[in-house]
Each structure stands twice: as structure tokens, then as C-alpha cells.
C-alpha atoms as a PDB file:
ATOM      1  CA  MET A   1     138.206  11.238  24.976  1.00  0.00           C
ATOM      2  CA  PRO A   2     141.628   9.336  25.176  1.00  0.00           C
ATOM      3  CA  PHE A   3     140.629   8.335  28.646  1.00  0.00           C
ATOM      4  CA  ILE A   4     137.410   6.674  27.710  1.00  0.00           C
ATOM      5  CA  ARG A   5     139.119   5.060  24.659  1.00  0.00           C
ATOM      6  CA  LEU A   6     141.720   3.631  26.778  1.00  0.00           C
ATOM      7  CA  GLY A   7     139.080   2.335  29.383  1.00  0.00           C
ATOM      8  CA  LEU A   8     136.979   0.656  26.746  1.00  0.00           C
ATOM      9  CA  THR A   9     140.346  -1.048  25.115  1.00  0.00           C
ATOM     10  CA  MET A  10     141.351  -2.353  28.632  1.00  0.00           C
ATOM     11  CA  LEU A  11     137.704  -3.655  29.240  1.00  0.00           C
ATOM     12  CA  GLY A  12     137.731  -5.348  25.933  1.00  0.00           C
ATOM     13  CA  LYS A  13     141.118  -6.953  26.544  1.00  0.00           C
ATOM     14  CA  GLY A  14     139.977  -8.072  29.829  1.00  0.00           C
ATOM     15  CA  LEU A  15     136.764  -9.583  28.519  1.00  0.00           C
ATOM     16  CA  MET A  16     138.753 -11.239  25.841  1.00  0.00           C
ATOM     17  CA  ALA A  17     141.018 -13.092  28.439  1.00  0.00           C
ATOM     18  CA  ILE A  18     138.126 -14.312  30.678  1.00  0.00           C
ATOM     19  CA  TYR A  19     136.395 -15.789  27.419  1.00  0.00           C
ATOM     20  CA  PHE A  20     139.522 -17.451  26.191  1.00  0.00           C
ATOM     21  CA  SER A  21     140.241 -18.903  29.486  1.00  0.00           C
ATOM     22  CA  ILE A  22     136.587 -20.026  29.889  1.00  0.00           C
ATOM     23  CA  SER A  23     136.056 -21.409  26.356  1.00  0.00           C
ATOM     24  CA  MET A  24     138.986 -23.868  26.655  1.00  0.00           C
ATOM     25  CA  ILE A  25     137.168 -25.363  29.707  1.00  0.00           C
ATOM     26  CA  TYR A  26     133.700 -25.603  28.204  1.00  0.00           C
ATOM     27  CA  ASN A  27     134.600 -26.688  24.483  1.00  0.00           C
ATOM     28  CA  HIS A  28     135.392 -30.154  25.719  1.00  0.00           C
ATOM     29  CA  GLU A  29     131.882 -30.200  27.290  1.00  0.00           C
ATOM     30  CA  LEU A  30     129.892 -28.588  24.612  1.00  0.00           C
ATOM     31  CA  ILE A  31     131.242 -30.525  21.471  1.00  0.00           C
ATOM     32  CA  PRO A  32     130.554 -34.474  21.172  1.00  0.00           C
ATOM     33  CA  THR A  33     133.713 -36.600  21.501  1.00  0.00           C
ATOM     34  CA  GLY A  34     133.422 -37.945  18.069  1.00  0.00           C
ATOM     35  CA  LEU A  35     133.566 -34.370  16.511  1.00  0.00           C
ATOM     36  CA  ARG A  36     135.880 -32.851  18.915  1.00  0.00           C
ATOM     37  CA  SER A  37     139.157 -32.646  17.281  1.00  0.00           C
ATOM     38  CA  ARG A  38     137.689 -31.711  13.870  1.00  0.00           C
ATOM     39  CA  ALA A  39     135.416 -28.959  15.519  1.00  0.00           C
ATOM     40  CA  GLU A  40     138.340 -27.575  17.587  1.00  0.00           C
ATOM     41  CA  GLY A  41     140.603 -27.612  14.292  1.00  0.00           C
ATOM     42  CA  GLY A  42     137.680 -25.277  12.537  1.00  0.00           C
ATOM     43  CA  ILE A  43     137.425 -23.100  15.579  1.00  0.00           C
ATOM     44  CA  VAL A  44     141.073 -22.382  15.684  1.00  0.00           C
ATOM     45  CA  PHE A  45     141.016 -21.920  12.055  1.00  0.00           C
ATOM     46  CA  MET A  46     138.217 -19.666  11.931  1.00  0.00           C
ATOM     47  CA  SER A  47     139.797 -17.570  14.683  1.00  0.00           C
ATOM     48  CA  GLY A  48     142.864 -17.225  12.894  1.00  0.00           C
ATOM     49  CA  LEU A  49     141.290 -16.197   9.681  1.00  0.00           C
ATOM     50  CA  ALA A  50     139.229 -13.596  11.742  1.00  0.00           C
ATOM     51  CA  SER A  51     142.157 -12.212  13.384  1.00  0.00           C
ATOM     52  CA  SER A  52     144.120 -11.936   9.996  1.00  0.00           C
ATOM     53  CA  LEU A  53     141.068 -10.411   8.129  1.00  0.00           C
ATOM     54  CA  SER A  54     140.351  -7.869  10.946  1.00  0.00           C
ATOM     55  CA  SER A  55     143.183  -5.798   9.966  1.00  0.00           C
ATOM     56  CA  LEU A  56     141.964  -5.573   6.544  1.00  0.00           C
ATOM     57  CA  ALA A  57     138.898  -3.790   7.918  1.00  0.00           C
ATOM     58  CA  LEU A  58     140.991  -0.881   8.403  1.00  0.00           C
ATOM     59  CA  ILE A  59     141.504  -0.399   5.025  1.00  0.00           C
ATOM     60  CA  THR A  60     137.864   0.475   4.342  1.00  0.00           C
ATOM     61  CA  ARG A  61     138.554   3.590   6.039  1.00  0.00           C
ATOM     62  CA  GLN A  62     139.315   5.077   2.701  1.00  0.00           C
ATOM     63  CA  TYR A  63     135.916   4.486   1.133  1.00  0.00           C
ATOM     64  CA  PHE A  64     133.965   5.825   4.190  1.00  0.00           C
ATOM     65  CA  GLU A  65     135.391   7.082   7.454  1.00  0.00           C
ATOM     66  CA  HIS A  66     133.154   5.136  10.021  1.00  0.00           C
ATOM     67  CA  LEU A  67     133.074   1.787   7.881  1.00  0.00           C
ATOM     68  CA  PRO A  68     135.469  -0.103  10.059  1.00  0.00           C
ATOM     69  CA  THR A  69     133.598   1.076  13.334  1.00  0.00           C
ATOM     70  CA  ILE A  70     130.161  -0.218  11.729  1.00  0.00           C
ATOM     71  CA  LEU A  71     131.752  -3.364  10.750  1.00  0.00           C
ATOM     72  CA  TYR A  72     133.397  -3.796  13.997  1.00  0.00           C
ATOM     73  CA  GLY A  73     129.897  -3.200  15.778  1.00  0.00           C
ATOM     74  CA  THR A  74     127.526  -5.149  13.410  1.00  0.00           C
ATOM     75  CA  CYS A  75     129.404  -8.441  13.497  1.00  0.00           C
ATOM     76  CA  PRO A  76     129.298  -9.105  17.114  1.00  0.00           C
ATOM     77  CA  ILE A  77     125.374  -8.131  16.890  1.00  0.00           C
ATOM     78  CA  MET A  78     124.921 -10.481  14.246  1.00  0.00           C
ATOM     79  CA  ALA A  79     126.750 -13.256  16.251  1.00  0.00           C
ATOM     80  CA  ALA A  80     124.669 -12.411  19.248  1.00  0.00           C
ATOM     81  CA  ILE A  81     121.421 -12.801  17.212  1.00  0.00           C
ATOM     82  CA  CYS A  82     122.624 -16.300  15.944  1.00  0.00           C
ATOM     83  CA  VAL A  83     123.003 -17.302  19.493  1.00  0.00           C
ATOM     84  CA  TYR A  84     119.190 -17.473  19.863  1.00  0.00           C
ATOM     85  CA  PHE A  85     119.241 -20.592  17.093  1.00  0.00           C
ATOM     86  CA  LEU A  86     121.504 -22.654  19.330  1.00  0.00           C
ATOM     87  CA  PRO A  87     119.858 -25.764  21.027  1.00  0.00           C
ATOM     88  CA  GLU A  88     120.638 -24.456  24.444  1.00  0.00           C
ATOM     89  CA  THR A  89     118.490 -21.488  23.715  1.00  0.00           C
ATOM     90  CA  LEU A  90     115.598 -23.474  22.440  1.00  0.00           C
ATOM     91  CA  ASN A  91     114.981 -24.999  25.732  1.00  0.00           C
ATOM     92  CA  LEU A  92     116.375 -28.088  24.443  1.00  0.00           C
ATOM     93  CA  PRO A  93     119.047 -30.548  25.862  1.00  0.00           C
ATOM     94  CA  LEU A  94     122.489 -30.562  24.472  1.00  0.00           C
ATOM     95  CA  PRO A  95     123.033 -33.681  22.331  1.00  0.00           C
ATOM     96  CA  ASP A  96     125.411 -35.957  23.900  1.00  0.00           C
ATOM     97  CA  THR A  97     126.506 -38.221  20.684  1.00  0.00           C
ATOM     98  CA  ILE A  98     126.315 -37.907  16.916  1.00  0.00           C
ATOM     99  CA  GLN A  99     123.322 -40.169  16.871  1.00  0.00           C
ATOM    100  CA  ASP A 100     121.215 -37.707  19.071  1.00  0.00           C
ATOM    101  CA  VAL A 101     122.282 -34.995  16.542  1.00  0.00           C
ATOM    102  CA  GLU A 102     121.166 -37.162  13.571  1.00  0.00           C
ATOM    103  CA  ARG A 103     117.831 -38.155  15.303  1.00  0.00           C
ATOM    104  CA  ARG A 104     117.058 -34.529  16.197  1.00  0.00           C
ATOM    105  CA  HIS A 105     117.681 -33.464  12.531  1.00  0.00           C
ATOM    106  CA  LYS A 106     115.148 -36.226  11.320  1.00  0.00           C
ATOM    107  CA  ASN A 107     112.736 -35.138  13.684  1.00  0.00           C
ATOM    108  CA  TYR A 108     112.894 -31.686  12.558  1.00  0.00           C
ATOM    109  CA  LYS A 109     112.784 -32.323   8.911  1.00  0.00           C
ATOM    110  CA  LYS A 110     109.298 -34.121   9.315  1.00  0.00           C
ATOM    111  CA  THR A 111     106.334 -32.316  10.623  1.00  0.00           C
ATOM    112  CA  SER A 112     105.600 -33.501  14.018  1.00  0.00           C
ATOM    113  CA  THR A 113     103.097 -33.291  16.758  1.00  0.00           C
ATOM    114  CA  LYS A 114     103.722 -32.059  20.191  1.00  0.00           C
ATOM    115  CA  GLU A 115     103.601 -35.328  21.482  1.00  0.00           C
ATOM    116  CA  GLU A 116     106.474 -36.536  18.952  1.00  0.00           C
ATOM    117  CA  GLU A 117     108.670 -33.603  20.018  1.00  0.00           C
ATOM    118  CA  SER A 118     108.258 -34.203  23.464  1.00  0.00           C
ATOM    119  CA  ASN A 119     109.036 -37.798  22.965  1.00  0.00           C
ATOM    120  CA  ASP A 120     112.247 -36.706  20.889  1.00  0.00           C
ATOM    121  CA  VAL A 121     113.401 -34.798  23.870  1.00  0.00           C
ATOM    122  CA  GLN A 122     113.177 -37.747  26.055  1.00  0.00           C
ATOM    123  CA  ASP A 123     114.952 -39.834  23.929  1.00  0.00           C
ATOM    124  CA  THR A 124     117.811 -37.442  23.473  1.00  0.00           C
ATOM    125  CA  THR A 125     118.434 -37.276  27.280  1.00  0.00           C
ATOM    126  CA  GLU A 126     119.902 -40.334  28.680  1.00  0.00           C
ATOM    127  CA  CYS A 127     119.587 -39.574  32.544  1.00  0.00           C
END
């Protein structure tokens, strides 16, 4: 059992190192320029908050022995489910400017036909 635990720990640390190196590169591509500093500040704040609160999850062991494991397992699963609602997973192009985001939000608010949705996709892509 200790070898399996060590192997999973090393795998997790390696995957986190890969994530951090890749996320620094792609954050600049995914976040619109007008919101980049505010969004990156929010990302850094939330990651610091998560790392601070993660140690508190171990305190829940006194209520139920397996609760920290359940918490550490369900949070990534919930995050993976949330990925399905991102624009790039809905077969839509990523917005380039804040105006593209606002235009897309207005079009989602009103009920539209398939023609209007295809026009919206063509309006937000400036190739």
C-alpha cells in the first residue's frame, strides 16, 4: 500500500507541474486583453484561497474518517462537469473582445432561431 500511495503522489505532483507550466502560457491566449490583469488576479487569489482551505479539509476527519477523501475526490469531478459549459466545449469560437462577450450574452438572453445563432457565430469570428 505505501508504494501505491507514493506512486499516486508522485503522479499527482508531476501532473500539477505540467498544469502550472502550461496554464501560464495559455492564460494569455484565453483571457481577453481588457480583462487579463483582473482575471489573472482573481485566478491567483482563488488558487491561494484553495491552497489555504485545503488543509482545513483534514480537520473534517474527526467527524467522518473518509470525509477528506470524499471532499478531495468530488471537487475535481464537479470542476470537470463545469467544463462542459465553457464556450470552447459548446462548439463556439472563443470571444476575442469584451464586445464579443456582451453580444453573445445579449443573443443568449433573447430567444433566437437557428439562423440568428449562426449569424452570431459569424459575427463573433473576425477571420
